[in-house]
């Protein structure tokens, strides 16, 4: 599971290594950009 802030976890309260989270963060950012309305502000996945 990947949360909107770019951290990854294998389950409730079980975080993967910081290196994995850092590797995933750019992917999450790109997904947010893809989901954001064109011409709108980013952060579509952020609550």
PDB file of N, CA and C in Angstrom:
ATOM      1  N   UNK A   1       0.848  -1.195   0.000  1.00  0.00           N
ATOM      2  CA  UNK A   1       0.000   0.000   0.000  1.00  0.00           C
ATOM      3  C   UNK A   1       0.882   1.243   0.000  1.00  0.00           C
ATOM      4  N   UNK A   2       0.550   2.196  -0.829  1.00  0.00           N
ATOM      5  CA  UNK A   2       1.297   3.442  -0.887  1.00  0.00           C
ATOM      6  C   UNK A   2       0.357   4.573  -0.483  1.00  0.00           C
ATOM      7  N   UNK A   3       0.751   5.309   0.532  1.00  0.00           N
ATOM      8  CA  UNK A   3      -0.092   6.408   0.969  1.00  0.00           C
ATOM      9  C   UNK A   3       0.207   7.669   0.173  1.00  0.00           C
ATOM     10  N   UNK A   4      -0.673   8.631   0.293  1.00  0.00           N
ATOM     11  CA  UNK A   4      -0.573   9.834  -0.535  1.00  0.00           C
ATOM     12  C   UNK A   4       0.663  10.666  -0.239  1.00  0.00           C
ATOM     13  N   UNK A   5       1.240  10.507   0.940  1.00  0.00           N
ATOM     14  CA  UNK A   5       2.419  11.312   1.267  1.00  0.00           C
ATOM     15  C   UNK A   5       3.711  10.683   0.771  1.00  0.00           C
ATOM     16  N   UNK A   6       3.598   9.579   0.029  1.00  0.00           N
ATOM     17  CA  UNK A   6       4.774   8.977  -0.584  1.00  0.00           C
ATOM     18  C   UNK A   6       5.443   7.909   0.252  1.00  0.00           C
ATOM     19  N   UNK A   7       4.860   7.558   1.382  1.00  0.00           N
ATOM     20  CA  UNK A   7       5.435   6.504   2.193  1.00  0.00           C
ATOM     21  C   UNK A   7       4.777   5.180   1.821  1.00  0.00           C
ATOM     22  N   UNK A   8       5.518   4.118   1.981  1.00  0.00           N
ATOM     23  CA  UNK A   8       4.992   2.802   1.640  1.00  0.00           C
ATOM     24  C   UNK A   8       4.911   1.941   2.889  1.00  0.00           C
ATOM     25  N   UNK A   9       3.918   1.085   2.956  1.00  0.00           N
ATOM     26  CA  UNK A   9       3.794   0.186   4.090  1.00  0.00           C
ATOM     27  C   UNK A   9       3.234  -1.146   3.627  1.00  0.00           C
ATOM     28  N   UNK A  10       3.592  -2.202   4.338  1.00  0.00           N
ATOM     29  CA  UNK A  10       3.103  -3.528   3.985  1.00  0.00           C
ATOM     30  C   UNK A  10       1.836  -3.858   4.752  1.00  0.00           C
ATOM     31  N   UNK A  11       1.481  -3.016   5.694  1.00  0.00           N
ATOM     32  CA  UNK A  11       0.281  -3.251   6.485  1.00  0.00           C
ATOM     33  C   UNK A  11       0.158  -2.163   7.531  1.00  0.00           C
ATOM     34  N   UNK A  12      -0.870  -2.225   8.354  1.00  0.00           N
ATOM     35  CA  UNK A  12      -1.060  -1.199   9.378  1.00  0.00           C
ATOM     36  C   UNK A  12       0.147  -1.085  10.300  1.00  0.00           C
ATOM     37  N   UNK A  13       0.774   0.067  10.300  1.00  0.00           N
ATOM     38  CA  UNK A  13       1.885   0.312  11.192  1.00  0.00           C
ATOM     39  C   UNK A  13       3.185  -0.362  10.797  1.00  0.00           C
ATOM     40  N   UNK A  14       3.230  -0.966   9.606  1.00  0.00           N
ATOM     41  CA  UNK A  14       4.443  -1.663   9.177  1.00  0.00           C
ATOM     42  C   UNK A  14       5.052  -0.928   8.006  1.00  0.00           C
ATOM     43  N   UNK A  15       6.021  -0.062   8.292  1.00  0.00           N
ATOM     44  CA  UNK A  15       6.628   0.751   7.237  1.00  0.00           C
ATOM     45  C   UNK A  15       7.771  -0.007   6.580  1.00  0.00           C
ATOM     46  N   UNK A  16       7.904   0.178   5.271  1.00  0.00           N
ATOM     47  CA  UNK A  16       9.057  -0.356   4.565  1.00  0.00           C
ATOM     48  C   UNK A  16      10.249   0.559   4.809  1.00  0.00           C
ATOM     49  N   UNK A  17      11.374   0.179   4.271  1.00  0.00           N
ATOM     50  CA  UNK A  17      12.583   0.970   4.495  1.00  0.00           C
ATOM     51  C   UNK A  17      12.448   2.363   3.895  1.00  0.00           C
ATOM     52  N   UNK A  18      13.123   3.348   4.471  1.00  0.00           N
ATOM     53  CA  UNK A  18      13.089   4.714   3.934  1.00  0.00           C
ATOM     54  C   UNK A  18      13.541   4.760   2.479  1.00  0.00           C
ATOM     55  N   UNK A  19      14.470   3.881   2.103  1.00  0.00           N
ATOM     56  CA  UNK A  19      14.948   3.865   0.726  1.00  0.00           C
ATOM     57  C   UNK A  19      13.826   3.501  -0.234  1.00  0.00           C
ATOM     58  N   UNK A  20      12.996   2.562   0.155  1.00  0.00           N
ATOM     59  CA  UNK A  20      11.870   2.172  -0.694  1.00  0.00           C
ATOM     60  C   UNK A  20      10.863   3.311  -0.774  1.00  0.00           C
ATOM     61  N   UNK A  21      10.567   3.928   0.352  1.00  0.00           N
ATOM     62  CA  UNK A  21       9.627   5.046   0.362  1.00  0.00           C
ATOM     63  C   UNK A  21      10.136   6.186  -0.515  1.00  0.00           C
ATOM     64  N   UNK A  22      11.440   6.440  -0.463  1.00  0.00           N
ATOM     65  CA  UNK A  22      12.027   7.505  -1.266  1.00  0.00           C
ATOM     66  C   UNK A  22      11.945   7.177  -2.750  1.00  0.00           C
ATOM     67  N   UNK A  23      12.069   5.898  -3.084  1.00  0.00           N
ATOM     68  CA  UNK A  23      11.988   5.490  -4.481  1.00  0.00           C
ATOM     69  C   UNK A  23      10.565   5.598  -5.010  1.00  0.00           C
ATOM     70  N   UNK A  24       9.601   5.374  -4.136  1.00  0.00           N
ATOM     71  CA  UNK A  24       8.194   5.393  -4.532  1.00  0.00           C
ATOM     72  C   UNK A  24       7.631   6.812  -4.617  1.00  0.00           C
ATOM     73  N   UNK A  25       8.175   7.722  -3.814  1.00  0.00           N
ATOM     74  CA  UNK A  25       7.640   9.083  -3.740  1.00  0.00           C
ATOM     75  C   UNK A  25       7.476   9.765  -5.105  1.00  0.00           C
ATOM     76  N   UNK A  26       8.478   9.708  -6.005  1.00  0.00           N
ATOM     77  CA  UNK A  26       8.311  10.347  -7.320  1.00  0.00           C
ATOM     78  C   UNK A  26       7.167   9.732  -8.130  1.00  0.00           C
ATOM     79  N   UNK A  27       6.954   8.439  -7.952  1.00  0.00           N
ATOM     80  CA  UNK A  27       5.857   7.787  -8.671  1.00  0.00           C
ATOM     81  C   UNK A  27       4.516   8.299  -8.175  1.00  0.00           C
ATOM     82  N   UNK A  28       4.402   8.460  -6.869  1.00  0.00           N
ATOM     83  CA  UNK A  28       3.170   8.984  -6.289  1.00  0.00           C
ATOM     84  C   UNK A  28       2.920  10.407  -6.786  1.00  0.00           C
ATOM     85  N   UNK A  29       3.980  11.208  -6.819  1.00  0.00           N
ATOM     86  CA  UNK A  29       3.845  12.586  -7.292  1.00  0.00           C
ATOM     87  C   UNK A  29       3.362  12.614  -8.742  1.00  0.00           C
ATOM     88  N   UNK A  30       3.873  11.698  -9.544  1.00  0.00           N
ATOM     89  CA  UNK A  30       3.466  11.667 -10.950  1.00  0.00           C
ATOM     90  C   UNK A  30       2.008  11.248 -11.079  1.00  0.00           C
ATOM     91  N   UNK A  31       1.599  10.278 -10.269  1.00  0.00           N
ATOM     92  CA  UNK A  31       0.204   9.842 -10.284  1.00  0.00           C
ATOM     93  C   UNK A  31      -0.711  11.003  -9.882  1.00  0.00           C
ATOM     94  N   UNK A  32      -0.299  11.761  -8.875  1.00  0.00           N
ATOM     95  CA  UNK A  32      -1.100  12.906  -8.446  1.00  0.00           C
ATOM     96  C   UNK A  32      -1.255  13.903  -9.590  1.00  0.00           C
ATOM     97  N   UNK A  33      -0.178  14.143 -10.321  1.00  0.00           N
ATOM     98  CA  UNK A  33      -0.239  15.082 -11.443  1.00  0.00           C
ATOM     99  C   UNK A  33      -1.188  14.556 -12.516  1.00  0.00           C
ATOM    100  N   UNK A  34      -1.140  13.238 -12.760  1.00  0.00           N
ATOM    101  CA  UNK A  34      -1.996  12.647 -13.785  1.00  0.00           C
ATOM    102  C   UNK A  34      -3.470  12.717 -13.399  1.00  0.00           C
ATOM    103  N   UNK A  35      -3.749  12.620 -12.107  1.00  0.00           N
ATOM    104  CA  UNK A  35      -5.133  12.625 -11.648  1.00  0.00           C
ATOM    105  C   UNK A  35      -5.683  14.033 -11.431  1.00  0.00           C
ATOM    106  N   UNK A  36      -4.785  14.981 -11.281  1.00  0.00           N
ATOM    107  CA  UNK A  36      -5.221  16.359 -11.035  1.00  0.00           C
ATOM    108  C   UNK A  36      -5.925  16.918 -12.266  1.00  0.00           C
ATOM    109  N   UNK A  37      -6.962  17.707 -12.067  1.00  0.00           N
ATOM    110  CA  UNK A  37      -7.655  18.332 -13.191  1.00  0.00           C
ATOM    111  C   UNK A  37      -6.692  19.200 -13.989  1.00  0.00           C
ATOM    112  N   UNK A  38      -6.807  19.156 -15.293  1.00  0.00           N
ATOM    113  CA  UNK A  38      -5.928  19.963 -16.132  1.00  0.00           C
ATOM    114  C   UNK A  38      -6.132  21.442 -15.802  1.00  0.00           C
ATOM    115  N   UNK A  39      -5.055  22.136 -15.544  1.00  0.00           N
ATOM    116  CA  UNK A  39      -5.146  23.546 -15.219  1.00  0.00           C
ATOM    117  C   UNK A  39      -5.441  23.797 -13.749  1.00  0.00           C
ATOM    118  N   UNK A  40      -5.625  22.721 -12.998  1.00  0.00           N
ATOM    119  CA  UNK A  40      -5.911  22.883 -11.585  1.00  0.00           C
ATOM    120  C   UNK A  40      -4.660  22.715 -10.751  1.00  0.00           C
ATOM    121  N   UNK A  41      -4.814  22.753  -9.456  1.00  0.00           N
ATOM    122  CA  UNK A  41      -3.678  22.563  -8.565  1.00  0.00           C
ATOM    123  C   UNK A  41      -3.464  21.080  -8.334  1.00  0.00           C
ATOM    124  N   UNK A  42      -2.220  20.724  -7.980  1.00  0.00           N
ATOM    125  CA  UNK A  42      -1.885  19.317  -7.770  1.00  0.00           C
ATOM    126  C   UNK A  42      -2.400  18.802  -6.439  1.00  0.00           C
ATOM    127  N   UNK A  43      -1.924  17.627  -6.048  1.00  0.00           N
ATOM    128  CA  UNK A  43      -2.302  17.063  -4.762  1.00  0.00           C
ATOM    129  C   UNK A  43      -3.663  16.391  -4.771  1.00  0.00           C
ATOM    130  N   UNK A  44      -4.008  15.763  -5.889  1.00  0.00           N
ATOM    131  CA  UNK A  44      -5.329  15.149  -6.018  1.00  0.00           C
ATOM    132  C   UNK A  44      -5.556  14.038  -4.986  1.00  0.00           C
ATOM    133  N   UNK A  45      -4.470  13.378  -4.579  1.00  0.00           N
ATOM    134  CA  UNK A  45      -4.622  12.268  -3.648  1.00  0.00           C
ATOM    135  C   UNK A  45      -4.504  12.683  -2.191  1.00  0.00           C
ATOM    136  N   UNK A  46      -4.164  13.929  -1.956  1.00  0.00           N
ATOM    137  CA  UNK A  46      -3.960  14.379  -0.576  1.00  0.00           C
ATOM    138  C   UNK A  46      -5.279  14.825   0.052  1.00  0.00           C
ATOM    139  N   UNK A  47      -5.508  14.345   1.265  1.00  0.00           N
ATOM    140  CA  UNK A  47      -6.755  14.687   1.952  1.00  0.00           C
ATOM    141  C   UNK A  47      -6.683  16.087   2.521  1.00  0.00           C
TER     142      UNK A  47
END
